[in-house]
Amino acid sequence: MSEKELLSLGKWAEKLELKANDLKKQVKELEIEPSKMKGKCAYYSEEDLKPALEKLK
């Protein structure tokens, strides 16, 4: 079983060629919870972000 890729919102924005602030705004509006927290850093899977990505398209 492969592990899902967990990245910060900034890294997802960079990878998907989106504006980080737009992605962060959608995540906040949709109240999407991160898959993992490490200290203050939040990590999301692409599956977690699907609703936000749909709104940004």
PDB file of N, CA and C in Angstrom:
ATOM      1  N   MET A   1       0.840  -1.182   0.000  1.00  0.00           N
ATOM      2  CA  MET A   1       0.000   0.000   0.000  1.00  0.00           C
ATOM      3  C   MET A   1       0.885   1.245   0.000  1.00  0.00           C
ATOM      4  N   SER A   2       0.607   2.151  -0.903  1.00  0.00           N
ATOM      5  CA  SER A   2       1.426   3.357  -0.983  1.00  0.00           C
ATOM      6  C   SER A   2       0.892   4.426  -0.041  1.00  0.00           C
ATOM      7  N   GLU A   3       1.802   5.176   0.531  1.00  0.00           N
ATOM      8  CA  GLU A   3       1.411   6.262   1.421  1.00  0.00           C
ATOM      9  C   GLU A   3       0.974   7.455   0.598  1.00  0.00           C
ATOM     10  N   LYS A   4      -0.020   8.174   1.112  1.00  0.00           N
ATOM     11  CA  LYS A   4      -0.432   9.376   0.401  1.00  0.00           C
ATOM     12  C   LYS A   4       0.567  10.486   0.690  1.00  0.00           C
ATOM     13  N   GLU A   5       0.772  11.311  -0.305  1.00  0.00           N
ATOM     14  CA  GLU A   5       1.736  12.397  -0.192  1.00  0.00           C
ATOM     15  C   GLU A   5       1.140  13.513   0.671  1.00  0.00           C
ATOM     16  N   LEU A   6       1.854  13.891   1.711  1.00  0.00           N
ATOM     17  CA  LEU A   6       1.416  14.967   2.590  1.00  0.00           C
ATOM     18  C   LEU A   6       2.342  16.162   2.425  1.00  0.00           C
ATOM     19  N   LEU A   7       1.753  17.297   2.068  1.00  0.00           N
ATOM     20  CA  LEU A   7       2.520  18.519   1.879  1.00  0.00           C
ATOM     21  C   LEU A   7       1.802  19.679   2.544  1.00  0.00           C
ATOM     22  N   SER A   8       2.547  20.734   2.813  1.00  0.00           N
ATOM     23  CA  SER A   8       1.943  21.952   3.346  1.00  0.00           C
ATOM     24  C   SER A   8       1.159  22.631   2.225  1.00  0.00           C
ATOM     25  N   LEU A   9       0.296  23.568   2.582  1.00  0.00           N
ATOM     26  CA  LEU A   9      -0.492  24.274   1.566  1.00  0.00           C
ATOM     27  C   LEU A   9       0.403  25.025   0.585  1.00  0.00           C
ATOM     28  N   GLY A  10       1.472  25.610   1.098  1.00  0.00           N
ATOM     29  CA  GLY A  10       2.402  26.321   0.225  1.00  0.00           C
ATOM     30  C   GLY A  10       3.038  25.405  -0.808  1.00  0.00           C
ATOM     31  N   LYS A  11       3.423  24.204  -0.382  1.00  0.00           N
ATOM     32  CA  LYS A  11       4.044  23.243  -1.302  1.00  0.00           C
ATOM     33  C   LYS A  11       3.025  22.722  -2.312  1.00  0.00           C
ATOM     34  N   TRP A  12       1.773  22.497  -1.859  1.00  0.00           N
ATOM     35  CA  TRP A  12       0.727  22.065  -2.798  1.00  0.00           C
ATOM     36  C   TRP A  12       0.476  23.157  -3.837  1.00  0.00           C
ATOM     37  N   ALA A  13       0.409  24.395  -3.395  1.00  0.00           N
ATOM     38  CA  ALA A  13       0.172  25.511  -4.316  1.00  0.00           C
ATOM     39  C   ALA A  13       1.285  25.572  -5.365  1.00  0.00           C
ATOM     40  N   GLU A  14       2.520  25.427  -4.916  1.00  0.00           N
ATOM     41  CA  GLU A  14       3.671  25.447  -5.827  1.00  0.00           C
ATOM     42  C   GLU A  14       3.594  24.287  -6.822  1.00  0.00           C
ATOM     43  N   LYS A  15       3.312  23.104  -6.311  1.00  0.00           N
ATOM     44  CA  LYS A  15       3.258  21.909  -7.155  1.00  0.00           C
ATOM     45  C   LYS A  15       2.125  21.995  -8.179  1.00  0.00           C
ATOM     46  N   LEU A  16       0.986  22.554  -7.773  1.00  0.00           N
ATOM     47  CA  LEU A  16      -0.178  22.629  -8.658  1.00  0.00           C
ATOM     48  C   LEU A  16      -0.265  23.954  -9.416  1.00  0.00           C
ATOM     49  N   GLU A  17       0.763  24.772  -9.267  1.00  0.00           N
ATOM     50  CA  GLU A  17       0.849  26.068  -9.935  1.00  0.00           C
ATOM     51  C   GLU A  17      -0.355  26.956  -9.626  1.00  0.00           C
ATOM     52  N   LEU A  18      -0.645  27.081  -8.333  1.00  0.00           N
ATOM     53  CA  LEU A  18      -1.725  27.931  -7.842  1.00  0.00           C
ATOM     54  C   LEU A  18      -1.132  29.013  -6.954  1.00  0.00           C
ATOM     55  N   LYS A  19      -1.919  30.034  -6.688  1.00  0.00           N
ATOM     56  CA  LYS A  19      -1.499  31.050  -5.723  1.00  0.00           C
ATOM     57  C   LYS A  19      -1.756  30.493  -4.325  1.00  0.00           C
ATOM     58  N   ALA A  20      -0.737  30.543  -3.484  1.00  0.00           N
ATOM     59  CA  ALA A  20      -0.836  29.991  -2.135  1.00  0.00           C
ATOM     60  C   ALA A  20      -1.969  30.637  -1.343  1.00  0.00           C
ATOM     61  N   ASN A  21      -2.127  31.962  -1.462  1.00  0.00           N
ATOM     62  CA  ASN A  21      -3.179  32.644  -0.707  1.00  0.00           C
ATOM     63  C   ASN A  21      -4.570  32.200  -1.133  1.00  0.00           C
ATOM     64  N   ASP A  22      -4.761  31.934  -2.422  1.00  0.00           N
ATOM     65  CA  ASP A  22      -6.062  31.458  -2.905  1.00  0.00           C
ATOM     66  C   ASP A  22      -6.386  30.089  -2.326  1.00  0.00           C
ATOM     67  N   LEU A  23      -5.394  29.207  -2.306  1.00  0.00           N
ATOM     68  CA  LEU A  23      -5.596  27.868  -1.768  1.00  0.00           C
ATOM     69  C   LEU A  23      -5.875  27.938  -0.269  1.00  0.00           C
ATOM     70  N   LYS A  24      -5.097  28.733   0.452  1.00  0.00           N
ATOM     71  CA  LYS A  24      -5.297  28.875   1.900  1.00  0.00           C
ATOM     72  C   LYS A  24      -6.687  29.420   2.215  1.00  0.00           C
ATOM     73  N   LYS A  25      -7.146  30.379   1.417  1.00  0.00           N
ATOM     74  CA  LYS A  25      -8.467  30.970   1.622  1.00  0.00           C
ATOM     75  C   LYS A  25      -9.561  29.915   1.449  1.00  0.00           C
ATOM     76  N   GLN A  26      -9.459  29.092   0.425  1.00  0.00           N
ATOM     77  CA  GLN A  26     -10.460  28.048   0.181  1.00  0.00           C
ATOM     78  C   GLN A  26     -10.459  27.008   1.305  1.00  0.00           C
ATOM     79  N   VAL A  27      -9.282  26.628   1.754  1.00  0.00           N
ATOM     80  CA  VAL A  27      -9.178  25.645   2.842  1.00  0.00           C
ATOM     81  C   VAL A  27      -9.838  26.196   4.111  1.00  0.00           C
ATOM     82  N   LYS A  28      -9.610  27.467   4.385  1.00  0.00           N
ATOM     83  CA  LYS A  28     -10.209  28.089   5.567  1.00  0.00           C
ATOM     84  C   LYS A  28     -11.727  28.180   5.433  1.00  0.00           C
ATOM     85  N   GLU A  29     -12.215  28.624   4.255  1.00  0.00           N
ATOM     86  CA  GLU A  29     -13.658  28.744   4.023  1.00  0.00           C
ATOM     87  C   GLU A  29     -14.362  27.396   4.143  1.00  0.00           C
ATOM     88  N   LEU A  30     -13.746  26.353   3.615  1.00  0.00           N
ATOM     89  CA  LEU A  30     -14.349  25.015   3.625  1.00  0.00           C
ATOM     90  C   LEU A  30     -14.060  24.247   4.914  1.00  0.00           C
ATOM     91  N   GLU A  31     -13.275  24.856   5.791  1.00  0.00           N
ATOM     92  CA  GLU A  31     -12.905  24.254   7.083  1.00  0.00           C
ATOM     93  C   GLU A  31     -12.320  22.855   6.917  1.00  0.00           C
ATOM     94  N   ILE A  32     -11.376  22.744   5.987  1.00  0.00           N
ATOM     95  CA  ILE A  32     -10.707  21.465   5.736  1.00  0.00           C
ATOM     96  C   ILE A  32      -9.644  21.237   6.798  1.00  0.00           C
ATOM     97  N   GLU A  33      -9.702  20.078   7.416  1.00  0.00           N
ATOM     98  CA  GLU A  33      -8.743  19.720   8.456  1.00  0.00           C
ATOM     99  C   GLU A  33      -7.527  19.024   7.838  1.00  0.00           C
ATOM    100  N   PRO A  34      -6.335  19.290   8.346  1.00  0.00           N
ATOM    101  CA  PRO A  34      -5.135  18.631   7.821  1.00  0.00           C
ATOM    102  C   PRO A  34      -5.094  17.149   8.190  1.00  0.00           C
ATOM    103  N   SER A  35      -4.405  16.383   7.378  1.00  0.00           N
ATOM    104  CA  SER A  35      -4.211  14.957   7.661  1.00  0.00           C
ATOM    105  C   SER A  35      -3.259  14.754   8.826  1.00  0.00           C
ATOM    106  N   LYS A  36      -2.317  15.696   8.971  1.00  0.00           N
ATOM    107  CA  LYS A  36      -1.283  15.543   9.999  1.00  0.00           C
ATOM    108  C   LYS A  36      -0.819  16.916  10.458  1.00  0.00           C
ATOM    109  N   MET A  37      -0.559  17.016  11.727  1.00  0.00           N
ATOM    110  CA  MET A  37       0.027  18.225  12.300  1.00  0.00           C
ATOM    111  C   MET A  37       1.380  17.845  12.875  1.00  0.00           C
ATOM    112  N   LYS A  38       2.362  18.679  12.612  1.00  0.00           N
ATOM    113  CA  LYS A  38       3.696  18.470  13.184  1.00  0.00           C
ATOM    114  C   LYS A  38       4.101  19.815  13.757  1.00  0.00           C
ATOM    115  N   GLY A  39       3.946  19.948  15.065  1.00  0.00           N
ATOM    116  CA  GLY A  39       4.137  21.247  15.696  1.00  0.00           C
ATOM    117  C   GLY A  39       3.026  22.164  15.228  1.00  0.00           C
ATOM    118  N   LYS A  40       3.383  23.309  14.664  1.00  0.00           N
ATOM    119  CA  LYS A  40       2.386  24.233  14.130  1.00  0.00           C
ATOM    120  C   LYS A  40       2.126  24.017  12.643  1.00  0.00           C
ATOM    121  N   CYS A  41       2.880  23.118  12.028  1.00  0.00           N
ATOM    122  CA  CYS A  41       2.770  22.895  10.583  1.00  0.00           C
ATOM    123  C   CYS A  41       1.662  21.896  10.271  1.00  0.00           C
ATOM    124  N   ALA A  42       0.831  22.263   9.293  1.00  0.00           N
ATOM    125  CA  ALA A  42      -0.264  21.405   8.858  1.00  0.00           C
ATOM    126  C   ALA A  42       0.084  20.783   7.513  1.00  0.00           C
ATOM    127  N   TYR A  43      -0.171  19.484   7.387  1.00  0.00           N
ATOM    128  CA  TYR A  43       0.111  18.761   6.162  1.00  0.00           C
ATOM    129  C   TYR A  43      -1.175  18.146   5.625  1.00  0.00           C
ATOM    130  N   TYR A  44      -1.386  18.318   4.324  1.00  0.00           N
ATOM    131  CA  TYR A  44      -2.609  17.870   3.669  1.00  0.00           C
ATOM    132  C   TYR A  44      -2.277  16.889   2.555  1.00  0.00           C
ATOM    133  N   SER A  45      -3.211  15.968   2.304  1.00  0.00           N
ATOM    134  CA  SER A  45      -3.086  15.093   1.138  1.00  0.00           C
ATOM    135  C   SER A  45      -3.861  15.738  -0.004  1.00  0.00           C
ATOM    136  N   GLU A  46      -3.606  15.287  -1.212  1.00  0.00           N
ATOM    137  CA  GLU A  46      -4.334  15.828  -2.360  1.00  0.00           C
ATOM    138  C   GLU A  46      -5.829  15.519  -2.214  1.00  0.00           C
ATOM    139  N   GLU A  47      -6.131  14.380  -1.627  1.00  0.00           N
ATOM    140  CA  GLU A  47      -7.531  13.992  -1.390  1.00  0.00           C
ATOM    141  C   GLU A  47      -8.218  14.977  -0.439  1.00  0.00           C
ATOM    142  N   ASP A  48      -7.498  15.423   0.589  1.00  0.00           N
ATOM    143  CA  ASP A  48      -8.046  16.406   1.534  1.00  0.00           C
ATOM    144  C   ASP A  48      -8.422  17.696   0.819  1.00  0.00           C
ATOM    145  N   LEU A  49      -7.626  18.059  -0.163  1.00  0.00           N
ATOM    146  CA  LEU A  49      -7.773  19.361  -0.824  1.00  0.00           C
ATOM    147  C   LEU A  49      -8.725  19.343  -2.022  1.00  0.00           C
ATOM    148  N   LYS A  50      -9.267  18.189  -2.377  1.00  0.00           N
ATOM    149  CA  LYS A  50     -10.136  18.103  -3.558  1.00  0.00           C
ATOM    150  C   LYS A  50     -11.247  19.145  -3.567  1.00  0.00           C
ATOM    151  N   PRO A  51     -11.993  19.332  -2.463  1.00  0.00           N
ATOM    152  CA  PRO A  51     -13.070  20.344  -2.491  1.00  0.00           C
ATOM    153  C   PRO A  51     -12.538  21.755  -2.776  1.00  0.00           C
ATOM    154  N   ALA A  52     -11.413  22.102  -2.220  1.00  0.00           N
ATOM    155  CA  ALA A  52     -10.823  23.429  -2.444  1.00  0.00           C
ATOM    156  C   ALA A  52     -10.339  23.569  -3.881  1.00  0.00           C
ATOM    157  N   LEU A  53      -9.745  22.516  -4.411  1.00  0.00           N
ATOM    158  CA  LEU A  53      -9.233  22.563  -5.787  1.00  0.00           C
ATOM    159  C   LEU A  53     -10.379  22.681  -6.790  1.00  0.00           C
ATOM    160  N   GLU A  54     -11.507  22.029  -6.489  1.00  0.00           N
ATOM    161  CA  GLU A  54     -12.682  22.132  -7.358  1.00  0.00           C
ATOM    162  C   GLU A  54     -13.156  23.582  -7.451  1.00  0.00           C
ATOM    163  N   LYS A  55     -13.170  24.279  -6.326  1.00  0.00           N
ATOM    164  CA  LYS A  55     -13.632  25.666  -6.297  1.00  0.00           C
ATOM    165  C   LYS A  55     -12.667  26.608  -7.017  1.00  0.00           C
ATOM    166  N   LEU A  56     -11.400  26.255  -7.059  1.00  0.00           N
ATOM    167  CA  LEU A  56     -10.393  27.120  -7.681  1.00  0.00           C
ATOM    168  C   LEU A  56     -10.336  26.948  -9.205  1.00  0.00           C
ATOM    169  N   LYS A  57     -10.937  25.906  -9.723  1.00  0.00           N
ATOM    170  CA  LYS A  57     -10.901  25.670 -11.179  1.00  0.00           C
ATOM    171  C   LYS A  57     -11.931  26.504 -11.896  1.00  0.00           C
TER     172      LYS A  57
END
